[in-house]
Amino acid sequence: MKAAKDDYEQGQLFDVRQLIEAEVFDDFLDQAEHLYGAGYYQAAAVIAGCVLEDGIRKTCGREGIDLPEKPKLDKMNADLAKAGVYSKLVQKQITALADLRNKAAHGEWEQFSTADVEDMLQKVRRFMEDHFA
C-alpha cells in the first residue's frame, strides 16, 4: 500500500493510465485497419476519426486546456495549436482528417476514396504516436 501511495504521489499512476489509453487507441486503430482491409473503408474512417478526436480531447486535458461539456473538435484543435502543442500545419491536417471522418459518418461516400482512408489511418496513427504516447 505504501508503494502504491508513493507511486500516486509521484504521479506515476497517471503514466500507467496514459499507457493503457494508448493501448486502447492502438486496438481501435488495429480494428479500423482490419475493417479497411476487409473493404469497409467507410467504417474504418469513422473509427479512426473517433480515435483522433478522443486523443485530442485527452491531450487537451493533459495540457490543462479547459473544455466545455460538449467540446468541438475544431476548437480543441485550435486551442492545442495556439498552446504550441503542435504546429499550424498539424492543425490543418487534423481539420482535414476530421472532415473525412464527418463525411464517412454522414454517408457522403462519393466525397472520399479508399486511398484517402488509407492515408487517414497512417496519419492518425502517426499523430497518436507523436502527440499522445
Protein backbone atom coordinates (compact mmCIF):
# COMPACT_ATOMS: atom_id res chain seq x y z
CA MET A 1 0.00 0.00 0.00
CA LYS A 2 2.85 2.35 0.82
CA ALA A 3 4.41 1.72 -2.61
CA ALA A 4 1.09 2.44 -4.32
CA LYS A 5 0.75 5.64 -2.27
CA ASP A 6 4.29 6.68 -3.23
CA ASP A 7 3.57 5.96 -6.91
CA TYR A 8 0.41 8.07 -6.72
CA GLU A 9 2.16 10.97 -5.00
CA GLN A 10 4.94 10.92 -7.59
CA GLY A 11 2.44 10.99 -10.45
CA GLN A 12 3.41 7.56 -11.77
CA LEU A 13 -0.14 6.21 -11.80
CA PHE A 14 -1.05 8.77 -14.41
CA ASP A 15 1.74 7.43 -16.62
CA VAL A 16 0.21 3.95 -16.32
CA ARG A 17 -3.20 5.34 -17.19
CA GLN A 18 -1.77 7.03 -20.27
CA LEU A 19 -0.10 3.77 -21.33
CA ILE A 20 -3.40 1.92 -21.01
CA GLU A 21 -5.20 4.61 -23.01
CA ALA A 22 -2.54 4.39 -25.71
CA GLU A 23 -3.07 0.61 -25.88
CA VAL A 24 -6.83 1.12 -26.27
CA PHE A 25 -6.26 3.66 -29.06
CA ASP A 26 -3.90 1.20 -30.74
CA ASP A 27 -6.52 -1.56 -30.51
CA PHE A 28 -9.16 0.66 -32.11
CA LEU A 29 -6.77 1.66 -34.88
CA ASP A 30 -5.99 -2.02 -35.45
CA GLN A 31 -9.74 -2.64 -35.77
CA ALA A 32 -10.05 0.23 -38.23
CA GLU A 33 -7.18 -1.17 -40.29
CA HIS A 34 -8.82 -4.60 -40.27
CA LEU A 35 -12.10 -3.11 -41.48
CA TYR A 36 -10.23 -1.19 -44.16
CA GLY A 37 -8.50 -4.39 -45.30
CA ALA A 38 -11.86 -6.14 -45.47
CA GLY A 39 -13.28 -3.42 -47.74
CA TYR A 40 -15.20 -1.46 -45.11
CA TYR A 41 -13.27 1.73 -45.61
CA GLN A 42 -16.17 3.96 -44.56
CA ALA A 43 -16.39 2.33 -41.11
CA ALA A 44 -12.61 2.45 -40.82
CA ALA A 45 -12.70 6.22 -41.36
CA VAL A 46 -15.33 6.69 -38.65
CA ILE A 47 -13.38 4.63 -36.10
CA ALA A 48 -10.08 6.33 -36.91
CA GLY A 49 -11.77 9.72 -36.59
CA CYS A 50 -13.16 8.78 -33.19
CA VAL A 51 -9.69 7.72 -32.02
CA LEU A 52 -8.28 11.03 -33.23
CA GLU A 53 -10.97 13.08 -31.51
CA ASP A 54 -10.64 11.22 -28.23
CA GLY A 55 -6.87 11.56 -28.35
CA ILE A 56 -7.18 15.30 -28.93
CA ARG A 57 -9.65 15.60 -26.04
CA LYS A 58 -7.29 13.75 -23.72
CA THR A 59 -4.34 15.83 -24.91
CA CYS A 60 -6.28 18.98 -24.06
CA GLY A 61 -6.82 17.61 -20.56
CA ARG A 62 -3.16 16.72 -20.20
CA GLU A 63 -2.14 20.20 -21.39
CA GLY A 64 -4.55 21.94 -18.99
CA ILE A 65 -6.83 23.29 -21.70
CA ASP A 66 -10.32 23.84 -20.32
CA LEU A 67 -13.08 22.10 -22.24
CA PRO A 68 -16.80 22.77 -22.27
CA GLU A 69 -19.21 19.93 -21.50
CA LYS A 70 -19.50 19.08 -25.20
CA PRO A 71 -16.21 20.14 -26.77
CA LYS A 72 -15.95 20.62 -30.52
CA LEU A 73 -13.02 19.09 -32.36
CA ASP A 74 -12.23 22.29 -34.28
CA LYS A 75 -11.98 24.32 -31.07
CA MET A 76 -9.84 21.72 -29.28
CA ASN A 77 -7.60 21.50 -32.33
CA ALA A 78 -7.20 25.28 -32.50
CA ASP A 79 -6.54 25.51 -28.75
CA LEU A 80 -3.80 22.87 -28.93
CA ALA A 81 -2.11 24.65 -31.84
CA LYS A 82 -2.42 28.01 -30.07
CA ALA A 83 -0.84 26.49 -26.95
CA GLY A 84 2.09 25.29 -29.06
CA VAL A 85 1.39 21.59 -28.55
CA TYR A 86 1.68 21.23 -32.31
CA SER A 87 2.10 23.42 -35.37
CA LYS A 88 -0.47 25.13 -37.58
CA LEU A 89 0.37 22.57 -40.26
CA VAL A 90 -0.62 19.73 -37.93
CA GLN A 91 -3.77 21.69 -37.04
CA LYS A 92 -4.71 21.86 -40.73
CA GLN A 93 -4.05 18.14 -41.18
CA ILE A 94 -6.32 17.34 -38.24
CA THR A 95 -9.02 19.56 -39.72
CA ALA A 96 -8.81 17.59 -42.98
CA LEU A 97 -8.93 14.24 -41.13
CA ALA A 98 -11.96 15.39 -39.14
CA ASP A 99 -13.67 16.41 -42.37
CA LEU A 100 -13.08 12.95 -43.84
CA ARG A 101 -14.47 11.34 -40.67
CA ASN A 102 -17.58 13.55 -40.85
CA LYS A 103 -18.15 12.65 -44.49
CA ALA A 104 -17.88 8.95 -43.66
CA ALA A 105 -20.19 9.28 -40.66
CA HIS A 106 -22.82 11.08 -42.75
CA GLY A 107 -22.72 8.68 -45.68
CA GLU A 108 -21.07 11.06 -48.14
CA TRP A 109 -19.21 8.14 -49.77
CA GLU A 110 -18.59 9.93 -53.05
CA GLN A 111 -16.61 12.65 -51.24
CA PHE A 112 -13.62 10.40 -50.42
CA SER A 113 -11.82 7.30 -51.65
CA THR A 114 -10.28 4.20 -50.15
CA ALA A 115 -6.87 5.82 -50.70
CA ASP A 116 -7.99 8.79 -48.60
CA VAL A 117 -8.90 6.42 -45.76
CA GLU A 118 -5.61 4.54 -46.08
CA ASP A 119 -3.81 7.87 -45.74
CA MET A 120 -6.04 8.81 -42.81
CA LEU A 121 -5.20 5.61 -40.94
CA GLN A 122 -1.49 6.30 -41.31
CA LYS A 123 -1.81 9.93 -40.26
CA VAL A 124 -3.99 9.19 -37.24
CA ARG A 125 -1.57 6.51 -36.05
CA ARG A 126 1.39 8.87 -36.55
CA PHE A 127 -0.40 11.69 -34.75
CA MET A 128 -1.25 9.46 -31.81
CA GLU A 129 2.33 8.20 -31.59
CA ASP A 130 3.78 11.71 -31.81
CA HIS A 131 1.36 13.62 -29.61
CA PHE A 132 -0.31 11.21 -27.26
CA ALA A 133 2.05 8.41 -26.38
